[in-house]
Structure formats: C-alpha cells, structure tokens
Amino acid sequence: MITRIKIPQAFENMEEATIGKWLKNEDDAIQNGDALCELITEKTTFDLPAEDLPAAGVLRRLVIAEKSIVPVGTIIALVGDLMDELPDVAFENAALLEKRQASESTPVAMPDISITPRTVGSTPAAGSRVRATPAARRVAKERGLSLEEIAAALPAKVLTEEDVLGFNAAL
C-alpha cells in the first residue's frame, strides 16, 4: 500500500512551506519517525518526520523538488513496498493548488530563483512584511543588506540564506 506524505499544518496560520533539503533519497528504507526532509516556514525550520506509515517501507518517489514552495496538504513523497503501483498524484496536487489560488486575490506562482539587481521603485508596498527564514534575516543583518530590496528581486518567495548570499554576491 502506498502512503502519501503531505505537508502538515505545523502551526495555526501556516499556509505553505519550502522544501529545504531532502534527507532521504528514493529507494531508501523508511520507518515511522525517520526525518524525510527539511521544511522551511515563515516561523521556523524543522525536519519533517515520516508519520502514520502502516509499516516500514521504501521511499518510492520524491514528488516535489528541493527549494519548492508548496501549500499545506501538498503530496511531497510516496512511501510503500517495491511491488506497489505508484499513483499519479500530480492531479491531486494541481487541484489543491488551484483551490488555493481561487481563494486568494493574487495567484500563487513558482518564483524564478535567479537574482536580478533592484530597480528603482521596486520595493514592496509600505507596511507589507518580508517573508524570510531566520537564517536569511541573520545573514542580511550581518551584511547590512535590506530584506526589502532582496524581496523586490524575488517576489512571492520566502527568502532563504542562499537568496541573501546570492543577492550580496550580485552586488
């Protein structure tokens, strides 16, 4: 039996998360409690454990790539026996994304991760909050960089430490 691993709602107002790094590879043995990947949210970064598996299994497919921002409930991996037929979960994930986009005033899009220099007047609207990981905030502060400028270059993205370092290198 194939088990779908989904992005959990780790706290009340969590809407999405970034897959930081996969800690397991396809065809690795998986048991309940094994850390599968690093999840990055607005509030924290944590390892996502495999939970509610009917039995130990094999990580059959990584559905979502590293550095992808996905909404809560997205199927990110499939775990099961080697003989189990893998379901096509692209339709389920697309339906979830479509439902989320319909409930928002602006559509969610996968951002381009390339960093471009800031143009005049491209900072976020006054009063808007820049979404960044704690590590990104720390590095920006250490280097004297403005998170608002970096966010203007990477709209609709939770800024990571790598984004800040890349922006600093582009200057």
N, C-alpha and C. Protein backbone atom coordinates (compact mmCIF):
# COMPACT_ATOMS: atom_id res chain seq x y z
N MET A 1 0.84 -1.18 0.00
CA MET A 1 0.00 0.00 0.00
C MET A 1 0.88 1.24 0.00
N ILE A 2 0.60 2.18 -0.88
CA ILE A 2 1.36 3.42 -0.98
C ILE A 2 0.80 4.44 0.00
N THR A 3 1.68 5.07 0.76
CA THR A 3 1.31 6.14 1.69
C THR A 3 1.76 7.46 1.10
N ARG A 4 0.83 8.42 1.07
CA ARG A 4 1.13 9.75 0.57
C ARG A 4 1.65 10.60 1.74
N ILE A 5 2.84 11.17 1.61
CA ILE A 5 3.39 12.06 2.63
C ILE A 5 3.04 13.48 2.20
N LYS A 6 2.35 14.20 3.10
CA LYS A 6 1.88 15.55 2.78
C LYS A 6 2.53 16.59 3.70
N ILE A 7 2.52 17.83 3.24
CA ILE A 7 2.97 18.95 4.08
C ILE A 7 1.93 19.13 5.17
N PRO A 8 2.33 18.99 6.44
CA PRO A 8 1.37 19.17 7.54
C PRO A 8 1.21 20.64 7.89
N GLN A 9 0.12 20.95 8.55
CA GLN A 9 -0.06 22.31 9.07
C GLN A 9 0.55 22.30 10.47
N ALA A 10 1.80 22.72 10.57
CA ALA A 10 2.57 22.63 11.81
C ALA A 10 2.12 23.63 12.87
N PHE A 11 1.53 24.74 12.45
CA PHE A 11 1.00 25.72 13.38
C PHE A 11 -0.21 26.38 12.75
N GLU A 12 -0.98 27.09 13.56
CA GLU A 12 -2.31 27.55 13.18
C GLU A 12 -2.38 28.33 11.87
N ASN A 13 -1.53 29.32 11.66
CA ASN A 13 -1.66 30.14 10.46
C ASN A 13 -0.66 29.77 9.35
N MET A 14 -0.13 28.57 9.43
CA MET A 14 0.80 28.10 8.38
C MET A 14 0.00 27.79 7.12
N GLU A 15 0.42 28.38 6.01
CA GLU A 15 -0.26 28.17 4.74
C GLU A 15 0.60 27.44 3.72
N GLU A 16 1.94 27.59 3.85
CA GLU A 16 2.84 26.98 2.89
C GLU A 16 4.19 26.71 3.54
N ALA A 17 5.02 25.97 2.85
CA ALA A 17 6.38 25.67 3.32
C ALA A 17 7.28 25.48 2.12
N THR A 18 8.56 25.63 2.36
CA THR A 18 9.58 25.39 1.34
C THR A 18 10.30 24.09 1.67
N ILE A 19 10.46 23.23 0.67
CA ILE A 19 11.26 22.02 0.87
C ILE A 19 12.72 22.47 0.86
N GLY A 20 13.36 22.45 2.02
CA GLY A 20 14.74 22.91 2.10
C GLY A 20 15.70 21.91 1.49
N LYS A 21 15.74 20.71 2.03
CA LYS A 21 16.65 19.68 1.55
C LYS A 21 16.03 18.32 1.85
N TRP A 22 16.11 17.42 0.90
CA TRP A 22 15.66 16.06 1.14
C TRP A 22 16.72 15.34 1.95
N LEU A 23 16.33 14.70 3.04
CA LEU A 23 17.25 13.97 3.91
C LEU A 23 17.29 12.49 3.57
N LYS A 24 16.34 12.03 2.78
CA LYS A 24 16.29 10.65 2.29
C LYS A 24 16.22 10.69 0.77
N ASN A 25 16.69 9.62 0.15
CA ASN A 25 16.66 9.50 -1.30
C ASN A 25 15.65 8.44 -1.72
N GLU A 26 15.24 8.49 -2.98
CA GLU A 26 14.36 7.44 -3.49
C GLU A 26 15.04 6.09 -3.30
N ASP A 27 14.25 5.08 -2.97
CA ASP A 27 14.67 3.70 -2.71
C ASP A 27 15.31 3.51 -1.34
N ASP A 28 15.33 4.53 -0.48
CA ASP A 28 15.80 4.37 0.90
C ASP A 28 14.70 3.73 1.73
N ALA A 29 15.09 2.89 2.69
CA ALA A 29 14.14 2.31 3.63
C ALA A 29 13.65 3.41 4.58
N ILE A 30 12.34 3.39 4.88
CA ILE A 30 11.72 4.42 5.72
C ILE A 30 10.91 3.74 6.82
N GLN A 31 11.01 4.28 8.03
CA GLN A 31 10.20 3.82 9.16
C GLN A 31 9.53 5.04 9.78
N ASN A 32 8.48 4.80 10.56
CA ASN A 32 7.82 5.89 11.26
C ASN A 32 8.85 6.67 12.07
N GLY A 33 8.80 7.98 11.96
CA GLY A 33 9.69 8.84 12.71
C GLY A 33 10.96 9.23 11.99
N ASP A 34 11.31 8.56 10.88
CA ASP A 34 12.51 8.94 10.13
C ASP A 34 12.32 10.33 9.53
N ALA A 35 13.35 11.16 9.61
CA ALA A 35 13.30 12.50 9.03
C ALA A 35 13.40 12.38 7.51
N LEU A 36 12.42 12.95 6.80
CA LEU A 36 12.39 12.86 5.34
C LEU A 36 13.02 14.07 4.67
N CYS A 37 12.65 15.26 5.16
CA CYS A 37 13.17 16.47 4.53
C CYS A 37 13.15 17.62 5.53
N GLU A 38 13.83 18.68 5.16
CA GLU A 38 13.84 19.90 5.94
C GLU A 38 12.74 20.79 5.39
N LEU A 39 11.86 21.28 6.27
CA LEU A 39 10.80 22.21 5.86
C LEU A 39 11.13 23.59 6.41
N ILE A 40 10.97 24.60 5.57
CA ILE A 40 11.21 25.97 5.96
C ILE A 40 9.88 26.71 5.89
N THR A 41 9.50 27.34 7.00
CA THR A 41 8.28 28.15 7.04
C THR A 41 8.66 29.57 7.43
N GLU A 42 7.65 30.43 7.50
CA GLU A 42 7.91 31.81 7.93
C GLU A 42 8.44 31.86 9.35
N LYS A 43 8.03 30.91 10.17
CA LYS A 43 8.36 30.95 11.58
C LYS A 43 9.54 30.09 11.99
N THR A 44 9.77 28.99 11.28
CA THR A 44 10.79 28.05 11.75
C THR A 44 11.26 27.14 10.62
N THR A 45 12.32 26.44 10.90
CA THR A 45 12.82 25.39 10.01
C THR A 45 12.88 24.11 10.84
N PHE A 46 12.35 23.01 10.29
CA PHE A 46 12.33 21.75 11.04
C PHE A 46 12.38 20.57 10.09
N ASP A 47 12.77 19.42 10.63
CA ASP A 47 12.79 18.18 9.86
C ASP A 47 11.41 17.55 9.90
N LEU A 48 10.89 17.19 8.73
CA LEU A 48 9.58 16.54 8.63
C LEU A 48 9.76 15.04 8.79
N PRO A 49 9.17 14.45 9.85
CA PRO A 49 9.30 13.00 10.02
C PRO A 49 8.22 12.25 9.24
N ALA A 50 8.53 11.04 8.86
CA ALA A 50 7.54 10.15 8.26
C ALA A 50 6.64 9.69 9.40
N GLU A 51 5.35 9.94 9.28
CA GLU A 51 4.41 9.55 10.33
C GLU A 51 3.23 8.81 9.72
N ASP A 52 2.56 8.05 10.55
CA ASP A 52 1.35 7.32 10.17
C ASP A 52 1.56 6.32 9.04
N LEU A 53 2.77 5.77 8.96
CA LEU A 53 3.01 4.72 7.97
C LEU A 53 2.43 3.42 8.52
N PRO A 54 1.72 2.63 7.69
CA PRO A 54 1.18 1.37 8.19
C PRO A 54 2.27 0.38 8.58
N ALA A 55 3.42 0.49 7.94
CA ALA A 55 4.56 -0.38 8.23
C ALA A 55 5.79 0.26 7.61
N ALA A 56 6.95 -0.27 7.93
CA ALA A 56 8.17 0.24 7.30
C ALA A 56 8.04 0.04 5.79
N GLY A 57 8.65 0.91 5.03
CA GLY A 57 8.55 0.81 3.59
C GLY A 57 9.77 1.41 2.92
N VAL A 58 9.60 1.75 1.65
CA VAL A 58 10.66 2.32 0.85
C VAL A 58 10.18 3.65 0.30
N LEU A 59 11.06 4.64 0.32
CA LEU A 59 10.73 5.92 -0.28
C LEU A 59 10.73 5.72 -1.79
N ARG A 60 9.54 5.62 -2.35
CA ARG A 60 9.42 5.26 -3.76
C ARG A 60 9.59 6.45 -4.69
N ARG A 61 9.05 7.61 -4.32
CA ARG A 61 9.14 8.77 -5.21
C ARG A 61 9.16 10.06 -4.42
N LEU A 62 10.08 10.96 -4.81
CA LEU A 62 10.09 12.33 -4.31
C LEU A 62 9.28 13.14 -5.32
N VAL A 63 8.12 13.62 -4.92
CA VAL A 63 7.21 14.29 -5.84
C VAL A 63 7.58 15.76 -6.04
N ILE A 64 8.10 16.39 -5.00
CA ILE A 64 8.40 17.82 -5.03
C ILE A 64 9.91 18.02 -4.91
N ALA A 65 10.44 18.91 -5.71
CA ALA A 65 11.89 19.18 -5.72
C ALA A 65 12.29 20.10 -4.57
N GLU A 66 13.57 20.04 -4.20
CA GLU A 66 14.11 20.95 -3.20
C GLU A 66 13.90 22.40 -3.66
N LYS A 67 13.73 23.29 -2.69
CA LYS A 67 13.56 24.74 -2.89
C LYS A 67 12.19 25.09 -3.45
N SER A 68 11.27 24.14 -3.54
CA SER A 68 9.92 24.42 -4.00
C SER A 68 9.07 24.91 -2.84
N ILE A 69 8.26 25.92 -3.09
CA ILE A 69 7.32 26.44 -2.10
C ILE A 69 5.97 25.83 -2.43
N VAL A 70 5.40 25.12 -1.46
CA VAL A 70 4.14 24.41 -1.70
C VAL A 70 3.17 24.66 -0.55
N PRO A 71 1.86 24.63 -0.84
CA PRO A 71 0.87 24.83 0.22
C PRO A 71 0.73 23.61 1.13
N VAL A 72 0.18 23.85 2.31
CA VAL A 72 -0.12 22.79 3.25
C VAL A 72 -1.05 21.79 2.56
N GLY A 73 -0.78 20.51 2.76
CA GLY A 73 -1.60 19.46 2.16
C GLY A 73 -1.03 18.90 0.87
N THR A 74 0.01 19.52 0.32
CA THR A 74 0.61 19.04 -0.91
C THR A 74 1.29 17.69 -0.66
N ILE A 75 1.09 16.76 -1.57
CA ILE A 75 1.76 15.45 -1.50
C ILE A 75 3.19 15.66 -1.98
N ILE A 76 4.16 15.36 -1.10
CA ILE A 76 5.56 15.61 -1.45
C ILE A 76 6.35 14.33 -1.71
N ALA A 77 5.85 13.19 -1.21
CA ALA A 77 6.57 11.93 -1.39
C ALA A 77 5.60 10.76 -1.30
N LEU A 78 6.04 9.62 -1.86
CA LEU A 78 5.26 8.38 -1.81
C LEU A 78 6.12 7.29 -1.18
N VAL A 79 5.55 6.61 -0.18
CA VAL A 79 6.25 5.54 0.53
C VAL A 79 5.42 4.27 0.41
N GLY A 80 6.09 3.15 0.17
CA GLY A 80 5.38 1.87 0.08
C GLY A 80 6.34 0.74 -0.22
N ASP A 81 5.78 -0.40 -0.58
CA ASP A 81 6.59 -1.55 -0.96
C ASP A 81 7.06 -1.41 -2.40
N LEU A 82 8.13 -2.10 -2.72
CA LEU A 82 8.67 -2.03 -4.08
C LEU A 82 7.71 -2.57 -5.14
N MET A 83 6.81 -3.45 -4.75
CA MET A 83 5.88 -4.04 -5.70
C MET A 83 4.61 -3.21 -5.90
N ASP A 84 4.37 -2.22 -5.03
CA ASP A 84 3.17 -1.39 -5.14
C ASP A 84 3.22 -0.49 -6.37
N GLU A 85 2.08 -0.36 -7.03
CA GLU A 85 1.98 0.53 -8.18
C GLU A 85 1.88 1.96 -7.68
N LEU A 86 2.64 2.86 -8.27
CA LEU A 86 2.65 4.26 -7.83
C LEU A 86 1.49 5.02 -8.45
N PRO A 87 0.72 5.74 -7.62
CA PRO A 87 -0.36 6.54 -8.17
C PRO A 87 0.19 7.83 -8.78
N ASP A 88 -0.55 8.41 -9.70
CA ASP A 88 -0.18 9.70 -10.27
C ASP A 88 -0.82 10.77 -9.38
N VAL A 89 0.00 11.46 -8.59
CA VAL A 89 -0.52 12.44 -7.63
C VAL A 89 -0.47 13.86 -8.17
N ALA A 90 -0.02 14.02 -9.41
CA ALA A 90 0.06 15.36 -10.00
C ALA A 90 -1.32 16.01 -10.04
N PHE A 91 -2.35 15.23 -10.34
CA PHE A 91 -3.71 15.77 -10.40
C PHE A 91 -4.16 16.25 -9.03
N GLU A 92 -3.88 15.47 -7.98
CA GLU A 92 -4.27 15.87 -6.62
C GLU A 92 -3.56 17.16 -6.21
N ASN A 93 -2.26 17.26 -6.50
CA ASN A 93 -1.51 18.47 -6.15
C ASN A 93 -1.99 19.67 -6.96
N ALA A 94 -2.29 19.46 -8.24
CA ALA A 94 -2.79 20.55 -9.08
C ALA A 94 -4.15 21.04 -8.59
N ALA A 95 -5.01 20.13 -8.16
CA ALA A 95 -6.33 20.51 -7.64
C ALA A 95 -6.18 21.32 -6.36
N LEU A 96 -5.25 20.92 -5.49
CA LEU A 96 -5.01 21.66 -4.26
C LEU A 96 -4.50 23.07 -4.57
N LEU A 97 -3.56 23.20 -5.49
CA LEU A 97 -3.02 24.50 -5.86
C LEU A 97 -4.09 25.37 -6.49
N GLU A 98 -4.91 24.78 -7.34
CA GLU A 98 -6.00 25.53 -7.99
C GLU A 98 -6.99 26.04 -6.95
N LYS A 99 -7.34 25.20 -5.98
CA LYS A 99 -8.26 25.59 -4.92
C LYS A 99 -7.67 26.74 -4.11
N ARG A 100 -6.38 26.66 -3.82
CA ARG A 100 -5.73 27.72 -3.04
C ARG A 100 -5.69 29.02 -3.83
N GLN A 101 -5.36 28.95 -5.12
CA GLN A 101 -5.31 30.15 -5.95
C GLN A 101 -6.67 30.80 -6.07
N ALA A 102 -7.72 30.00 -6.12
CA ALA A 102 -9.07 30.53 -6.22
C ALA A 102 -9.47 31.28 -4.96
N SER A 103 -8.91 30.87 -3.81
CA SER A 103 -9.27 31.52 -2.55
C SER A 103 -8.44 32.77 -2.27
N GLU A 104 -7.40 33.00 -3.06
CA GLU A 104 -6.54 34.17 -2.88
C GLU A 104 -6.86 35.21 -3.94
N SER A 105 -6.57 36.46 -3.62
CA SER A 105 -6.80 37.52 -4.60
C SER A 105 -5.72 37.54 -5.66
N THR A 106 -4.50 37.09 -5.31
CA THR A 106 -3.43 37.02 -6.30
C THR A 106 -2.98 35.57 -6.44
N PRO A 107 -2.77 35.09 -7.64
CA PRO A 107 -2.38 33.70 -7.84
C PRO A 107 -0.99 33.40 -7.27
N VAL A 108 -0.82 32.16 -6.85
CA VAL A 108 0.48 31.69 -6.37
C VAL A 108 1.23 31.16 -7.57
N ALA A 109 2.46 31.58 -7.74
CA ALA A 109 3.28 31.10 -8.84
C ALA A 109 4.64 30.70 -8.31
N MET A 110 5.22 29.71 -8.93
CA MET A 110 6.57 29.33 -8.54
C MET A 110 7.50 30.44 -9.00
N PRO A 111 8.22 31.07 -8.08
CA PRO A 111 9.07 32.20 -8.45
C PRO A 111 10.33 31.73 -9.17
N ASP A 112 10.88 32.65 -9.96
CA ASP A 112 12.17 32.41 -10.61
C ASP A 112 13.24 32.64 -9.55
N ILE A 113 14.17 31.72 -9.41
CA ILE A 113 15.15 31.85 -8.34
C ILE A 113 16.37 32.66 -8.76
N SER A 114 16.39 33.12 -10.01
CA SER A 114 17.53 33.95 -10.42
C SER A 114 17.42 35.31 -9.75
N ILE A 115 18.54 35.88 -9.40
CA ILE A 115 18.56 37.15 -8.70
C ILE A 115 18.91 38.24 -9.68
N THR A 116 18.07 39.27 -9.70
CA THR A 116 18.33 40.40 -10.57
C THR A 116 18.55 41.64 -9.73
N PRO A 117 19.36 42.58 -10.21
CA PRO A 117 19.57 43.79 -9.45
C PRO A 117 18.27 44.56 -9.28
N ARG A 118 18.15 45.27 -8.20
CA ARG A 118 16.95 46.02 -7.86
C ARG A 118 16.81 47.23 -8.78
N THR A 119 15.57 47.47 -9.20
CA THR A 119 15.28 48.67 -9.96
C THR A 119 14.59 49.67 -9.04
N VAL A 120 14.71 50.94 -9.37
CA VAL A 120 14.14 51.99 -8.52
C VAL A 120 12.63 51.80 -8.44
N GLY A 121 12.11 51.91 -7.22
CA GLY A 121 10.67 51.81 -7.02
C GLY A 121 10.14 50.39 -6.99
N SER A 122 11.00 49.41 -6.84
CA SER A 122 10.51 48.04 -6.87
C SER A 122 10.44 47.40 -5.49
N THR A 123 10.52 48.20 -4.44
CA THR A 123 10.42 47.64 -3.10
C THR A 123 8.98 47.30 -2.79
N PRO A 124 8.75 46.37 -1.85
CA PRO A 124 7.38 46.01 -1.51
C PRO A 124 6.60 47.20 -0.98
N ALA A 125 5.29 47.12 -1.04
CA ALA A 125 4.44 48.20 -0.57
C ALA A 125 4.69 48.48 0.91
N ALA A 126 4.53 49.73 1.28
CA ALA A 126 4.76 50.11 2.67
C ALA A 126 3.85 49.31 3.57
N GLY A 127 4.39 48.81 4.67
CA GLY A 127 3.60 48.05 5.63
C GLY A 127 3.54 46.57 5.33
N SER A 128 4.00 46.14 4.14
CA SER A 128 3.98 44.71 3.86
C SER A 128 5.16 44.05 4.56
N ARG A 129 5.00 42.82 4.93
CA ARG A 129 6.02 42.10 5.68
C ARG A 129 6.82 41.22 4.74
N VAL A 130 8.13 41.31 4.84
CA VAL A 130 9.01 40.48 4.03
C VAL A 130 9.05 39.10 4.65
N ARG A 131 8.86 38.08 3.82
CA ARG A 131 8.88 36.70 4.29
C ARG A 131 10.27 36.14 4.10
N ALA A 132 10.93 35.79 5.22
CA ALA A 132 12.29 35.29 5.17
C ALA A 132 12.53 34.32 6.32
N THR A 133 13.42 33.37 6.10
CA THR A 133 13.77 32.43 7.15
C THR A 133 14.63 33.15 8.19
N PRO A 134 14.68 32.63 9.40
CA PRO A 134 15.53 33.25 10.42
C PRO A 134 17.00 33.36 9.98
N ALA A 135 17.50 32.35 9.30
CA ALA A 135 18.89 32.39 8.82
C ALA A 135 19.08 33.51 7.80
N ALA A 136 18.10 33.72 6.93
CA ALA A 136 18.18 34.79 5.93
C ALA A 136 18.19 36.15 6.62
N ARG A 137 17.36 36.32 7.63
CA ARG A 137 17.33 37.60 8.37
C ARG A 137 18.67 37.86 9.05
N ARG A 138 19.25 36.81 9.63
CA ARG A 138 20.54 36.95 10.33
C ARG A 138 21.64 37.36 9.35
N VAL A 139 21.73 36.67 8.21
CA VAL A 139 22.77 36.96 7.23
C VAL A 139 22.59 38.37 6.66
N ALA A 140 21.36 38.77 6.38
CA ALA A 140 21.11 40.11 5.85
C ALA A 140 21.55 41.17 6.86
N LYS A 141 21.25 40.94 8.12
CA LYS A 141 21.63 41.89 9.16
C LYS A 141 23.16 41.97 9.29
N GLU A 142 23.82 40.80 9.27
CA GLU A 142 25.29 40.76 9.37
C GLU A 142 25.96 41.49 8.22
N ARG A 143 25.38 41.43 7.03
CA ARG A 143 25.99 42.04 5.85
C ARG A 143 25.44 43.43 5.56
N GLY A 144 24.51 43.90 6.39
CA GLY A 144 23.95 45.24 6.20
C GLY A 144 23.08 45.35 4.96
N LEU A 145 22.40 44.26 4.60
CA LEU A 145 21.53 44.24 3.43
C LEU A 145 20.09 44.45 3.82
N SER A 146 19.32 45.01 2.91
CA SER A 146 17.90 45.24 3.13
C SER A 146 17.08 44.06 2.60
N LEU A 147 16.33 43.42 3.49
CA LEU A 147 15.48 42.31 3.05
C LEU A 147 14.42 42.79 2.06
N GLU A 148 14.01 44.05 2.19
CA GLU A 148 13.01 44.61 1.26
C GLU A 148 13.56 44.64 -0.17
N GLU A 149 14.84 45.02 -0.32
CA GLU A 149 15.45 45.05 -1.65
C GLU A 149 15.56 43.64 -2.23
N ILE A 150 15.94 42.69 -1.40
CA ILE A 150 16.08 41.30 -1.87
C ILE A 150 14.70 40.75 -2.24
N ALA A 151 13.70 41.06 -1.42
CA ALA A 151 12.33 40.60 -1.70
C ALA A 151 11.80 41.20 -3.00
N ALA A 152 12.21 42.44 -3.31
CA ALA A 152 11.78 43.06 -4.56
C ALA A 152 12.34 42.31 -5.76
N ALA A 153 13.55 41.76 -5.60
CA ALA A 153 14.17 40.99 -6.68
C ALA A 153 13.60 39.58 -6.78
N LEU A 154 13.02 39.09 -5.68
CA LEU A 154 12.47 37.73 -5.64
C LEU A 154 11.03 37.79 -5.12
N PRO A 155 10.10 38.32 -5.88
CA PRO A 155 8.73 38.47 -5.39
C PRO A 155 8.06 37.12 -5.12
N ALA A 156 7.13 37.12 -4.17
CA ALA A 156 6.33 35.93 -3.81
C ALA A 156 7.19 34.75 -3.39
N LYS A 157 8.27 35.02 -2.67
CA LYS A 157 9.17 33.95 -2.26
C LYS A 157 9.55 34.14 -0.80
N VAL A 158 9.66 33.05 -0.08
CA VAL A 158 10.22 33.09 1.27
C VAL A 158 11.73 33.12 1.08
N LEU A 159 12.35 34.20 1.52
CA LEU A 159 13.79 34.36 1.31
C LEU A 159 14.57 33.39 2.18
N THR A 160 15.58 32.78 1.59
CA THR A 160 16.45 31.85 2.32
C THR A 160 17.83 32.47 2.46
N GLU A 161 18.66 31.83 3.26
CA GLU A 161 20.03 32.29 3.45
C GLU A 161 20.76 32.33 2.09
N GLU A 162 20.52 31.33 1.23
CA GLU A 162 21.15 31.28 -0.08
C GLU A 162 20.73 32.46 -0.94
N ASP A 163 19.46 32.89 -0.84
CA ASP A 163 18.98 34.04 -1.60
C ASP A 163 19.74 35.31 -1.20
N VAL A 164 19.92 35.49 0.12
CA VAL A 164 20.61 36.67 0.64
C VAL A 164 22.07 36.65 0.19
N LEU A 165 22.72 35.50 0.29
CA LEU A 165 24.12 35.39 -0.11
C LEU A 165 24.26 35.63 -1.62
N GLY A 166 23.33 35.09 -2.40
CA GLY A 166 23.35 35.29 -3.85
C GLY A 166 23.15 36.74 -4.23
N PHE A 167 22.24 37.43 -3.54
CA PHE A 167 22.00 38.84 -3.78
C PHE A 167 23.24 39.65 -3.43
N ASN A 168 23.87 39.31 -2.31
CA ASN A 168 25.09 40.01 -1.88
C ASN A 168 26.19 39.82 -2.92
N ALA A 169 26.31 38.62 -3.49
CA ALA A 169 27.34 38.36 -4.49
C ALA A 169 27.05 39.11 -5.80
N ALA A 170 25.76 39.35 -6.10
CA ALA A 170 25.38 40.03 -7.33
C ALA A 170 25.64 41.53 -7.25
N LEU A 171 25.84 42.04 -6.04
CA LEU A 171 26.08 43.49 -5.89
C LEU A 171 27.46 43.90 -6.29
